[in-house]
């Protein structure tokens, strides 16, 4: 594995954190969105290194999970009212 930039490593860490905190909706959305941004900004040339690619993938998964939990939470609250 080659040298990774600090933004690529931050993207990977935030992406994993976004998946972990996706059940809390907003912290998961924030971490996942930042993972996507950092992963895309850390790109050098046409190739993405492993950490940046992992951050973009896990950030996308975290965003999908966070939105899913948010929709489920809104549906439960709407049904309870």
N, C-alpha and C. Protein backbone atom coordinates (compact mmCIF):
# COMPACT_ATOMS: atom_id res chain seq x y z
N UNK A 1 0.85 -1.17 0.00
CA UNK A 1 0.00 0.00 0.00
C UNK A 1 0.89 1.23 0.00
N UNK A 2 0.57 2.18 -0.86
CA UNK A 2 1.38 3.37 -1.01
C UNK A 2 1.09 4.41 0.05
N UNK A 3 1.69 5.57 -0.15
CA UNK A 3 1.52 6.69 0.76
C UNK A 3 0.13 7.30 0.58
N UNK A 4 -0.60 7.50 1.66
CA UNK A 4 -1.93 8.09 1.61
C UNK A 4 -1.89 9.49 2.20
N UNK A 5 -2.71 10.37 1.65
CA UNK A 5 -2.77 11.72 2.19
C UNK A 5 -3.61 11.72 3.47
N UNK A 6 -3.46 12.77 4.25
CA UNK A 6 -4.22 12.84 5.49
C UNK A 6 -5.70 13.03 5.23
N UNK A 7 -6.06 13.70 4.12
CA UNK A 7 -7.48 13.85 3.80
C UNK A 7 -8.09 12.51 3.41
N UNK A 8 -7.33 11.66 2.73
CA UNK A 8 -7.83 10.33 2.37
C UNK A 8 -8.05 9.48 3.62
N UNK A 9 -7.12 9.58 4.57
CA UNK A 9 -7.28 8.82 5.82
C UNK A 9 -8.46 9.35 6.63
N UNK A 10 -8.62 10.67 6.65
CA UNK A 10 -9.77 11.25 7.36
C UNK A 10 -11.07 10.82 6.70
N UNK A 11 -11.07 10.73 5.38
CA UNK A 11 -12.26 10.28 4.65
C UNK A 11 -12.63 8.86 5.05
N UNK A 12 -11.64 7.99 5.14
CA UNK A 12 -11.91 6.61 5.52
C UNK A 12 -12.43 6.52 6.95
N UNK A 13 -11.82 7.26 7.87
CA UNK A 13 -12.25 7.24 9.26
C UNK A 13 -13.66 7.80 9.41
N UNK A 14 -13.94 8.91 8.73
CA UNK A 14 -15.28 9.51 8.80
C UNK A 14 -16.33 8.61 8.14
N UNK A 15 -15.96 7.92 7.08
CA UNK A 15 -16.89 7.00 6.43
C UNK A 15 -17.28 5.85 7.33
N UNK A 16 -16.30 5.29 8.01
CA UNK A 16 -16.59 4.20 8.96
C UNK A 16 -17.42 4.74 10.12
N UNK A 17 -17.06 5.92 10.61
CA UNK A 17 -17.86 6.54 11.68
C UNK A 17 -19.27 6.87 11.24
N UNK A 18 -19.44 7.24 9.97
CA UNK A 18 -20.77 7.52 9.45
C UNK A 18 -21.66 6.29 9.45
N UNK A 19 -21.07 5.13 9.14
CA UNK A 19 -21.85 3.89 9.18
C UNK A 19 -22.21 3.55 10.63
N UNK A 20 -21.24 3.71 11.53
CA UNK A 20 -21.48 3.37 12.94
C UNK A 20 -22.57 4.27 13.53
N UNK A 21 -22.51 5.57 13.23
CA UNK A 21 -23.45 6.52 13.81
C UNK A 21 -24.68 6.78 12.92
N UNK A 22 -24.91 5.94 11.93
CA UNK A 22 -26.05 6.17 11.02
C UNK A 22 -27.39 6.02 11.74
N UNK A 23 -27.44 5.24 12.81
CA UNK A 23 -28.70 5.09 13.54
C UNK A 23 -29.06 6.35 14.32
N UNK A 24 -28.10 7.26 14.50
CA UNK A 24 -28.37 8.54 15.17
C UNK A 24 -28.74 9.63 14.16
N UNK A 25 -28.99 9.27 12.93
CA UNK A 25 -29.40 10.12 11.82
C UNK A 25 -28.44 11.26 11.53
N UNK A 26 -28.53 12.37 12.25
CA UNK A 26 -27.80 13.57 11.87
C UNK A 26 -26.28 13.46 12.05
N UNK A 27 -25.76 12.89 13.14
CA UNK A 27 -24.30 12.71 13.19
C UNK A 27 -23.79 11.78 12.08
N UNK A 28 -24.57 10.77 11.76
CA UNK A 28 -24.19 9.87 10.68
C UNK A 28 -24.21 10.55 9.33
N UNK A 29 -25.21 11.39 9.11
CA UNK A 29 -25.26 12.14 7.85
C UNK A 29 -24.09 13.10 7.72
N UNK A 30 -23.76 13.79 8.81
CA UNK A 30 -22.66 14.76 8.78
C UNK A 30 -21.32 14.06 8.52
N UNK A 31 -21.07 12.98 9.23
CA UNK A 31 -19.80 12.27 9.06
C UNK A 31 -19.70 11.67 7.66
N UNK A 32 -20.79 11.12 7.16
CA UNK A 32 -20.78 10.50 5.84
C UNK A 32 -20.59 11.55 4.74
N UNK A 33 -21.25 12.68 4.88
CA UNK A 33 -21.09 13.75 3.88
C UNK A 33 -19.65 14.27 3.88
N UNK A 34 -19.07 14.43 5.07
CA UNK A 34 -17.68 14.88 5.13
C UNK A 34 -16.73 13.83 4.56
N UNK A 35 -17.05 12.56 4.73
CA UNK A 35 -16.22 11.50 4.15
C UNK A 35 -16.24 11.57 2.63
N UNK A 36 -17.42 11.81 2.07
CA UNK A 36 -17.51 11.94 0.62
C UNK A 36 -16.71 13.14 0.13
N UNK A 37 -16.85 14.27 0.79
CA UNK A 37 -16.15 15.49 0.38
C UNK A 37 -14.64 15.30 0.48
N UNK A 38 -14.16 14.79 1.62
CA UNK A 38 -12.72 14.60 1.80
C UNK A 38 -12.17 13.58 0.82
N UNK A 39 -12.92 12.51 0.57
CA UNK A 39 -12.46 11.49 -0.36
C UNK A 39 -12.33 12.02 -1.77
N UNK A 40 -13.29 12.83 -2.20
CA UNK A 40 -13.22 13.39 -3.54
C UNK A 40 -12.17 14.48 -3.66
N UNK A 41 -11.95 15.26 -2.61
CA UNK A 41 -10.95 16.31 -2.65
C UNK A 41 -9.52 15.78 -2.56
N UNK A 42 -9.34 14.59 -1.99
CA UNK A 42 -8.00 14.04 -1.84
C UNK A 42 -7.50 13.35 -3.10
N UNK A 43 -8.34 13.29 -4.10
CA UNK A 43 -7.95 12.64 -5.35
C UNK A 43 -6.78 13.36 -5.99
N UNK A 44 -5.80 12.62 -6.43
CA UNK A 44 -4.66 13.20 -7.15
C UNK A 44 -4.63 12.60 -8.54
N UNK A 45 -4.82 13.43 -9.53
CA UNK A 45 -4.85 12.93 -10.90
C UNK A 45 -6.14 12.17 -11.16
N UNK A 46 -6.01 11.08 -11.88
CA UNK A 46 -7.19 10.29 -12.22
C UNK A 46 -7.41 9.12 -11.27
N UNK A 47 -6.37 8.73 -10.53
CA UNK A 47 -6.49 7.57 -9.65
C UNK A 47 -6.80 8.01 -8.23
N UNK A 48 -7.59 7.19 -7.56
CA UNK A 48 -7.90 7.39 -6.15
C UNK A 48 -7.17 6.32 -5.36
N UNK A 49 -6.53 6.70 -4.26
CA UNK A 49 -5.85 5.67 -3.48
C UNK A 49 -6.87 4.89 -2.64
N UNK A 50 -6.39 3.85 -1.99
CA UNK A 50 -7.27 2.92 -1.28
C UNK A 50 -8.08 3.61 -0.19
N UNK A 51 -7.43 4.46 0.61
CA UNK A 51 -8.14 5.12 1.71
C UNK A 51 -9.24 6.04 1.20
N UNK A 52 -8.95 6.79 0.14
CA UNK A 52 -9.95 7.71 -0.41
C UNK A 52 -11.13 6.93 -1.00
N UNK A 53 -10.84 5.85 -1.70
CA UNK A 53 -11.91 5.03 -2.29
C UNK A 53 -12.77 4.40 -1.20
N UNK A 54 -12.12 3.93 -0.13
CA UNK A 54 -12.85 3.35 1.00
C UNK A 54 -13.72 4.41 1.66
N UNK A 55 -13.20 5.63 1.81
CA UNK A 55 -13.98 6.72 2.41
C UNK A 55 -15.19 7.09 1.59
N UNK A 56 -15.05 7.13 0.27
CA UNK A 56 -16.19 7.47 -0.60
C UNK A 56 -17.25 6.37 -0.54
N UNK A 57 -16.82 5.13 -0.57
CA UNK A 57 -17.77 4.01 -0.54
C UNK A 57 -18.49 3.94 0.81
N UNK A 58 -17.73 4.00 1.91
CA UNK A 58 -18.38 3.93 3.22
C UNK A 58 -19.20 5.19 3.51
N UNK A 59 -18.78 6.34 2.99
CA UNK A 59 -19.58 7.55 3.14
C UNK A 59 -20.91 7.44 2.42
N UNK A 60 -20.90 6.86 1.24
CA UNK A 60 -22.16 6.66 0.49
C UNK A 60 -23.08 5.70 1.22
N UNK A 61 -22.52 4.61 1.72
CA UNK A 61 -23.32 3.64 2.47
C UNK A 61 -23.88 4.29 3.74
N UNK A 62 -23.05 5.06 4.43
CA UNK A 62 -23.50 5.74 5.64
C UNK A 62 -24.62 6.73 5.38
N UNK A 63 -24.53 7.46 4.25
CA UNK A 63 -25.61 8.39 3.91
C UNK A 63 -26.91 7.65 3.62
N UNK A 64 -26.83 6.56 2.89
CA UNK A 64 -28.03 5.78 2.60
C UNK A 64 -28.65 5.22 3.88
N UNK A 65 -27.82 4.69 4.76
CA UNK A 65 -28.34 4.17 6.02
C UNK A 65 -28.95 5.27 6.89
N UNK A 66 -28.29 6.43 6.95
CA UNK A 66 -28.80 7.54 7.75
C UNK A 66 -30.15 8.02 7.23
N UNK A 67 -30.27 8.15 5.90
CA UNK A 67 -31.55 8.56 5.32
C UNK A 67 -32.62 7.51 5.58
N UNK A 68 -32.24 6.24 5.51
CA UNK A 68 -33.20 5.17 5.80
C UNK A 68 -33.69 5.20 7.24
N UNK A 69 -32.77 5.40 8.18
CA UNK A 69 -33.17 5.51 9.58
C UNK A 69 -34.02 6.76 9.82
N UNK A 70 -33.70 7.86 9.12
CA UNK A 70 -34.48 9.08 9.27
C UNK A 70 -35.91 8.89 8.77
N UNK A 71 -36.06 8.22 7.64
CA UNK A 71 -37.40 7.96 7.09
C UNK A 71 -38.18 7.03 8.01
N UNK A 72 -37.51 6.00 8.53
CA UNK A 72 -38.18 5.08 9.46
C UNK A 72 -38.59 5.81 10.74
N UNK A 73 -37.72 6.67 11.25
CA UNK A 73 -38.02 7.44 12.45
C UNK A 73 -39.20 8.39 12.21
N UNK A 74 -39.24 9.04 11.05
CA UNK A 74 -40.34 9.94 10.73
C UNK A 74 -41.65 9.18 10.58
N UNK A 75 -41.58 7.97 10.00
CA UNK A 75 -42.79 7.16 9.85
C UNK A 75 -43.33 6.71 11.20
N UNK A 76 -42.46 6.36 12.12
CA UNK A 76 -42.91 5.94 13.46
C UNK A 76 -43.54 7.11 14.18
N UNK A 77 -42.94 8.28 14.08
CA UNK A 77 -43.51 9.47 14.73
C UNK A 77 -44.85 9.87 14.10
N UNK A 78 -44.97 9.73 12.80
CA UNK A 78 -46.22 10.09 12.13
C UNK A 78 -47.33 9.08 12.52
N UNK A 79 -46.95 7.84 12.69
CA UNK A 79 -47.94 6.82 13.06
C UNK A 79 -48.38 7.00 14.52
N UNK A 80 -47.49 7.46 15.36
CA UNK A 80 -47.80 7.64 16.78
C UNK A 80 -48.70 8.84 17.02
N UNK A 81 -48.67 9.78 16.11
CA UNK A 81 -49.47 11.02 16.31
C UNK A 81 -50.88 10.87 15.93
